[in-house]
């Protein structure tokens, strides 16, 4: 199934929110549930999307029509099909996410002896 880039992004963010939140609760008998408004609040508050609130609702509705997410009892959930697509997106992005973590965590210059520093002529 071919999804628009924005739909893939929204699906990825929703999946990551569930993964991370549930990972923190895995040793308890609790599970996170997220409503549309809570999801949009997280996305807008975290600066994860430059969209307006209404556009995010529309994207969620289109994912619902595509049967990638469900919205029952005021809770957003990935369907089996949605979980499969999310897993593929996550797998595709994993190398990029890992290299970002390494760069943020480590002094990458220690991995090479050939890196140089130079003075900038203009600031």
N, C-alpha and C. Protein backbone atom coordinates (compact mmCIF):
# COMPACT_ATOMS: atom_id res chain seq x y z
N UNK A 1 0.83 -1.18 0.00
CA UNK A 1 0.00 0.00 0.00
C UNK A 1 0.88 1.24 0.00
N UNK A 2 0.62 2.14 -0.91
CA UNK A 2 1.39 3.38 -1.02
C UNK A 2 0.68 4.47 -0.24
N UNK A 3 1.38 5.00 0.75
CA UNK A 3 0.85 6.09 1.56
C UNK A 3 1.56 7.39 1.22
N UNK A 4 0.83 8.48 1.38
CA UNK A 4 1.47 9.79 1.22
C UNK A 4 2.49 9.97 2.34
N UNK A 5 3.48 10.78 2.10
CA UNK A 5 4.55 10.98 3.07
C UNK A 5 4.01 11.48 4.41
N UNK A 6 3.04 12.36 4.38
CA UNK A 6 2.47 12.90 5.62
C UNK A 6 1.71 11.82 6.39
N UNK A 7 1.04 10.94 5.67
CA UNK A 7 0.34 9.83 6.33
C UNK A 7 1.34 8.87 6.96
N UNK A 8 2.42 8.59 6.26
CA UNK A 8 3.47 7.73 6.82
C UNK A 8 4.04 8.36 8.08
N UNK A 9 4.24 9.67 8.04
CA UNK A 9 4.79 10.39 9.19
C UNK A 9 3.84 10.29 10.39
N UNK A 10 2.56 10.54 10.18
CA UNK A 10 1.58 10.49 11.26
C UNK A 10 1.50 9.08 11.83
N UNK A 11 1.48 8.07 10.96
CA UNK A 11 1.44 6.68 11.41
C UNK A 11 2.69 6.34 12.21
N UNK A 12 3.84 6.80 11.76
CA UNK A 12 5.10 6.55 12.46
C UNK A 12 5.09 7.20 13.84
N UNK A 13 4.65 8.45 13.92
CA UNK A 13 4.61 9.15 15.21
C UNK A 13 3.67 8.44 16.17
N UNK A 14 2.49 8.05 15.70
CA UNK A 14 1.54 7.35 16.56
C UNK A 14 2.13 6.04 17.06
N UNK A 15 2.74 5.28 16.17
CA UNK A 15 3.36 4.02 16.56
C UNK A 15 4.48 4.21 17.56
N UNK A 16 5.32 5.23 17.35
CA UNK A 16 6.43 5.50 18.26
C UNK A 16 5.93 5.93 19.63
N UNK A 17 4.87 6.74 19.66
CA UNK A 17 4.31 7.16 20.95
C UNK A 17 3.86 5.94 21.73
N UNK A 18 3.15 5.03 21.07
CA UNK A 18 2.71 3.81 21.75
C UNK A 18 3.89 2.95 22.17
N UNK A 19 4.86 2.77 21.27
CA UNK A 19 6.03 1.94 21.60
C UNK A 19 6.77 2.47 22.83
N UNK A 20 7.08 3.75 22.82
CA UNK A 20 7.85 4.34 23.91
C UNK A 20 7.07 4.37 25.22
N UNK A 21 5.81 4.77 25.15
CA UNK A 21 5.01 4.84 26.37
C UNK A 21 4.79 3.45 26.96
N UNK A 22 4.51 2.47 26.13
CA UNK A 22 4.28 1.11 26.64
C UNK A 22 5.58 0.44 27.08
N UNK A 23 6.70 0.82 26.46
CA UNK A 23 7.99 0.28 26.89
C UNK A 23 8.28 0.68 28.33
N UNK A 24 7.92 1.90 28.68
CA UNK A 24 8.14 2.37 30.05
C UNK A 24 7.21 1.71 31.06
N UNK A 25 6.12 1.14 30.57
CA UNK A 25 5.15 0.50 31.46
C UNK A 25 5.16 -1.02 31.36
N UNK A 26 6.13 -1.59 30.64
CA UNK A 26 6.08 -3.03 30.35
C UNK A 26 6.14 -3.92 31.58
N UNK A 27 6.74 -3.44 32.67
CA UNK A 27 6.81 -4.27 33.87
C UNK A 27 5.57 -4.12 34.75
N UNK A 28 4.61 -3.35 34.29
CA UNK A 28 3.35 -3.19 35.01
C UNK A 28 2.23 -3.79 34.18
N UNK A 29 1.06 -3.88 34.75
CA UNK A 29 -0.08 -4.44 34.01
C UNK A 29 -0.89 -3.33 33.33
N UNK A 30 -0.22 -2.24 33.02
CA UNK A 30 -0.86 -1.09 32.40
C UNK A 30 -0.50 -1.00 30.93
N UNK A 31 -1.34 -0.32 30.19
CA UNK A 31 -1.10 -0.06 28.78
C UNK A 31 -1.58 1.35 28.47
N UNK A 32 -0.88 2.04 27.62
CA UNK A 32 -1.23 3.42 27.27
C UNK A 32 -2.33 3.43 26.22
N UNK A 33 -3.26 4.36 26.36
CA UNK A 33 -4.24 4.61 25.31
C UNK A 33 -4.23 6.11 25.04
N UNK A 34 -4.36 6.46 23.77
CA UNK A 34 -4.24 7.85 23.35
C UNK A 34 -5.48 8.24 22.55
N UNK A 35 -6.08 9.36 22.93
CA UNK A 35 -7.21 9.88 22.17
C UNK A 35 -6.68 10.75 21.03
N UNK A 36 -7.56 11.10 20.10
CA UNK A 36 -7.14 11.97 19.00
C UNK A 36 -6.62 13.30 19.53
N UNK A 37 -7.36 13.88 20.47
CA UNK A 37 -6.95 15.19 20.98
C UNK A 37 -5.62 15.10 21.73
N UNK A 38 -5.40 14.03 22.49
CA UNK A 38 -4.13 13.86 23.20
C UNK A 38 -2.98 13.66 22.21
N UNK A 39 -3.22 12.89 21.16
CA UNK A 39 -2.20 12.67 20.14
C UNK A 39 -1.82 14.00 19.48
N UNK A 40 -2.82 14.77 19.10
CA UNK A 40 -2.57 16.05 18.45
C UNK A 40 -1.85 17.01 19.40
N UNK A 41 -2.21 16.96 20.67
CA UNK A 41 -1.55 17.79 21.67
C UNK A 41 -0.06 17.44 21.78
N UNK A 42 0.24 16.15 21.78
CA UNK A 42 1.64 15.70 21.84
C UNK A 42 2.40 16.14 20.59
N UNK A 43 1.79 15.94 19.43
CA UNK A 43 2.44 16.29 18.17
C UNK A 43 2.68 17.80 18.08
N UNK A 44 1.67 18.58 18.42
CA UNK A 44 1.81 20.04 18.35
C UNK A 44 2.76 20.54 19.44
N UNK A 45 2.62 20.04 20.65
CA UNK A 45 3.45 20.48 21.76
C UNK A 45 4.90 20.10 21.60
N UNK A 46 5.15 18.96 21.00
CA UNK A 46 6.52 18.50 20.79
C UNK A 46 7.16 19.08 19.54
N UNK A 47 6.40 19.84 18.77
CA UNK A 47 6.94 20.41 17.54
C UNK A 47 7.21 19.35 16.49
N UNK A 48 6.50 18.22 16.56
CA UNK A 48 6.75 17.12 15.63
C UNK A 48 6.15 17.36 14.25
N UNK A 49 5.20 18.28 14.17
CA UNK A 49 4.58 18.57 12.88
C UNK A 49 4.34 20.07 12.77
N UNK A 50 4.46 20.57 11.58
CA UNK A 50 4.25 21.99 11.34
C UNK A 50 2.82 22.26 10.87
N UNK A 51 1.97 21.28 11.02
CA UNK A 51 0.61 21.38 10.52
C UNK A 51 -0.31 22.03 11.54
N UNK A 52 -1.43 22.45 11.05
CA UNK A 52 -2.49 22.96 11.92
C UNK A 52 -3.25 21.77 12.49
N UNK A 53 -3.93 22.03 13.58
CA UNK A 53 -4.67 20.98 14.27
C UNK A 53 -5.67 20.29 13.35
N UNK A 54 -6.39 21.07 12.55
CA UNK A 54 -7.41 20.51 11.65
C UNK A 54 -6.78 19.57 10.62
N UNK A 55 -5.62 19.93 10.11
CA UNK A 55 -4.93 19.08 9.13
C UNK A 55 -4.54 17.75 9.75
N UNK A 56 -4.14 17.77 11.01
CA UNK A 56 -3.80 16.51 11.70
C UNK A 56 -5.03 15.63 11.86
N UNK A 57 -6.17 16.25 12.22
CA UNK A 57 -7.42 15.49 12.31
C UNK A 57 -7.75 14.85 10.97
N UNK A 58 -7.59 15.61 9.89
CA UNK A 58 -7.88 15.08 8.55
C UNK A 58 -6.96 13.90 8.21
N UNK A 59 -5.69 14.01 8.56
CA UNK A 59 -4.76 12.90 8.32
C UNK A 59 -5.15 11.67 9.11
N UNK A 60 -5.55 11.86 10.36
CA UNK A 60 -6.00 10.73 11.17
C UNK A 60 -7.24 10.09 10.55
N UNK A 61 -8.16 10.92 10.05
CA UNK A 61 -9.36 10.39 9.41
C UNK A 61 -9.02 9.60 8.15
N UNK A 62 -8.06 10.08 7.37
CA UNK A 62 -7.69 9.34 6.16
C UNK A 62 -7.02 8.02 6.50
N UNK A 63 -6.23 7.98 7.58
CA UNK A 63 -5.64 6.72 8.02
C UNK A 63 -6.72 5.76 8.52
N UNK A 64 -7.76 6.33 9.11
CA UNK A 64 -8.88 5.52 9.57
C UNK A 64 -9.63 4.92 8.38
N UNK A 65 -9.84 5.72 7.34
CA UNK A 65 -10.51 5.23 6.13
C UNK A 65 -9.69 4.15 5.44
N UNK A 66 -8.38 4.27 5.53
CA UNK A 66 -7.48 3.27 4.94
C UNK A 66 -7.36 2.02 5.81
N UNK A 67 -8.04 2.04 6.94
CA UNK A 67 -8.05 0.92 7.89
C UNK A 67 -6.66 0.64 8.48
N UNK A 68 -5.88 1.72 8.65
CA UNK A 68 -4.57 1.58 9.28
C UNK A 68 -4.64 1.90 10.77
N UNK A 69 -5.62 2.72 11.14
CA UNK A 69 -5.86 2.98 12.56
C UNK A 69 -7.35 2.84 12.82
N UNK A 70 -7.69 2.61 14.06
CA UNK A 70 -9.10 2.58 14.44
C UNK A 70 -9.29 3.58 15.57
N UNK A 71 -10.51 4.06 15.68
CA UNK A 71 -10.83 5.02 16.73
C UNK A 71 -12.12 4.53 17.39
N UNK A 72 -11.95 3.82 18.48
CA UNK A 72 -13.09 3.26 19.20
C UNK A 72 -13.00 3.68 20.66
N UNK A 73 -14.14 4.03 21.24
CA UNK A 73 -14.20 4.46 22.64
C UNK A 73 -13.20 5.58 22.92
N UNK A 74 -13.09 6.50 21.98
CA UNK A 74 -12.20 7.66 22.09
C UNK A 74 -10.73 7.29 22.24
N UNK A 75 -10.34 6.15 21.67
CA UNK A 75 -8.95 5.70 21.74
C UNK A 75 -8.45 5.39 20.33
N UNK A 76 -7.30 5.94 19.99
CA UNK A 76 -6.64 5.63 18.72
C UNK A 76 -5.83 4.36 18.88
N UNK A 77 -5.94 3.47 17.91
CA UNK A 77 -5.15 2.24 17.92
C UNK A 77 -4.71 1.92 16.51
N UNK A 78 -3.54 1.32 16.40
CA UNK A 78 -3.10 0.80 15.11
C UNK A 78 -3.83 -0.52 14.87
N UNK A 79 -4.35 -0.70 13.66
CA UNK A 79 -4.93 -1.99 13.30
C UNK A 79 -3.78 -2.94 12.98
N UNK A 80 -4.10 -4.20 12.70
CA UNK A 80 -3.04 -5.14 12.31
C UNK A 80 -2.33 -4.65 11.06
N UNK A 81 -3.12 -4.17 10.12
CA UNK A 81 -2.56 -3.63 8.87
C UNK A 81 -1.70 -2.40 9.19
N UNK A 82 -2.19 -1.53 10.06
CA UNK A 82 -1.44 -0.34 10.46
C UNK A 82 -0.16 -0.69 11.19
N UNK A 83 -0.23 -1.71 12.05
CA UNK A 83 0.96 -2.15 12.78
C UNK A 83 2.00 -2.69 11.81
N UNK A 84 1.54 -3.40 10.80
CA UNK A 84 2.45 -3.94 9.79
C UNK A 84 3.15 -2.82 9.01
N UNK A 85 2.38 -1.82 8.59
CA UNK A 85 2.96 -0.69 7.86
C UNK A 85 3.90 0.09 8.77
N UNK A 86 3.50 0.32 10.02
CA UNK A 86 4.36 1.02 10.98
C UNK A 86 5.67 0.26 11.19
N UNK A 87 5.59 -1.05 11.34
CA UNK A 87 6.80 -1.86 11.54
C UNK A 87 7.75 -1.73 10.36
N UNK A 88 7.21 -1.68 9.16
CA UNK A 88 8.04 -1.52 7.96
C UNK A 88 8.70 -0.14 7.94
N UNK A 89 7.92 0.90 8.26
CA UNK A 89 8.48 2.26 8.31
C UNK A 89 9.58 2.31 9.37
N UNK A 90 9.31 1.75 10.54
CA UNK A 90 10.28 1.75 11.64
C UNK A 90 11.56 1.02 11.23
N UNK A 91 11.39 -0.10 10.55
CA UNK A 91 12.54 -0.89 10.08
C UNK A 91 13.36 -0.10 9.06
N UNK A 92 12.66 0.61 8.16
CA UNK A 92 13.35 1.42 7.15
C UNK A 92 14.12 2.59 7.77
N UNK A 93 13.57 3.17 8.83
CA UNK A 93 14.18 4.34 9.45
C UNK A 93 15.18 4.00 10.54
N UNK A 94 15.21 2.77 11.00
CA UNK A 94 16.06 2.37 12.13
C UNK A 94 17.53 2.76 11.95
N UNK A 95 18.15 2.54 10.79
CA UNK A 95 19.57 2.93 10.65
C UNK A 95 19.79 4.43 10.84
N UNK A 96 18.86 5.24 10.35
CA UNK A 96 18.97 6.69 10.48
C UNK A 96 18.82 7.12 11.94
N UNK A 97 17.86 6.53 12.61
CA UNK A 97 17.62 6.85 14.03
C UNK A 97 18.83 6.44 14.86
N UNK A 98 19.39 5.29 14.58
CA UNK A 98 20.55 4.82 15.34
C UNK A 98 21.77 5.71 15.15
N UNK A 99 22.01 6.15 13.91
CA UNK A 99 23.18 7.01 13.68
C UNK A 99 22.99 8.35 14.37
N UNK A 100 21.76 8.85 14.41
CA UNK A 100 21.50 10.09 15.14
C UNK A 100 21.79 9.92 16.63
N UNK A 101 21.40 8.79 17.18
CA UNK A 101 21.67 8.52 18.60
C UNK A 101 23.17 8.47 18.86
N UNK A 102 23.92 7.83 17.97
CA UNK A 102 25.38 7.73 18.14
C UNK A 102 26.01 9.12 18.06
N UNK A 103 25.59 9.91 17.09
CA UNK A 103 26.16 11.25 16.93
C UNK A 103 25.85 12.13 18.14
N UNK A 104 24.64 12.02 18.67
CA UNK A 104 24.28 12.82 19.84
C UNK A 104 25.00 12.35 21.10
N UNK A 105 25.23 11.06 21.20
CA UNK A 105 25.79 10.46 22.41
C UNK A 105 27.31 10.52 22.44
N UNK A 106 27.95 10.39 21.32
CA UNK A 106 29.40 10.25 21.26
C UNK A 106 30.06 11.48 20.65
N UNK A 107 31.34 11.62 20.91
CA UNK A 107 32.15 12.59 20.21
C UNK A 107 32.61 11.90 18.93
N UNK A 108 31.95 12.18 17.82
CA UNK A 108 32.20 11.43 16.59
C UNK A 108 33.61 11.65 16.05
N UNK A 109 34.27 12.71 16.45
CA UNK A 109 35.63 12.94 15.98
C UNK A 109 36.62 11.93 16.53
N UNK A 110 36.26 11.26 17.63
CA UNK A 110 37.19 10.27 18.18
C UNK A 110 37.26 9.00 17.32
N UNK A 111 36.34 8.85 16.38
CA UNK A 111 36.35 7.68 15.51
C UNK A 111 37.33 7.82 14.35
N UNK A 112 37.90 9.00 14.17
CA UNK A 112 38.83 9.21 13.07
C UNK A 112 40.03 10.03 13.52
N UNK A 113 41.14 9.79 12.88
CA UNK A 113 42.32 10.60 13.18
C UNK A 113 42.54 11.64 12.08
N UNK A 114 41.72 11.63 11.07
CA UNK A 114 41.90 12.50 9.91
C UNK A 114 41.09 13.79 9.97
N UNK A 115 40.23 13.94 10.97
CA UNK A 115 39.40 15.14 11.05
C UNK A 115 40.25 16.34 11.45
N UNK A 116 39.93 17.50 10.88
CA UNK A 116 40.68 18.72 11.17
C UNK A 116 39.72 19.79 11.65
N UNK A 117 40.27 20.75 12.33
CA UNK A 117 39.51 21.95 12.64
C UNK A 117 40.19 23.10 11.94
N UNK A 118 39.38 24.03 11.47
CA UNK A 118 39.91 25.21 10.78
C UNK A 118 39.21 26.45 11.32
N UNK A 119 39.86 27.59 11.20
CA UNK A 119 39.24 28.85 11.60
C UNK A 119 38.32 29.32 10.49
N UNK A 120 37.17 29.81 10.89
CA UNK A 120 36.25 30.38 9.91
C UNK A 120 36.63 31.84 9.70
N UNK A 121 36.61 32.27 8.46
CA UNK A 121 36.97 33.64 8.14
C UNK A 121 35.86 34.61 8.53
N UNK A 122 34.62 34.18 8.39
CA UNK A 122 33.50 35.06 8.73
C UNK A 122 32.54 34.34 9.65
N UNK A 123 31.94 35.09 10.52
CA UNK A 123 30.97 34.52 11.44
C UNK A 123 29.64 34.97 11.06
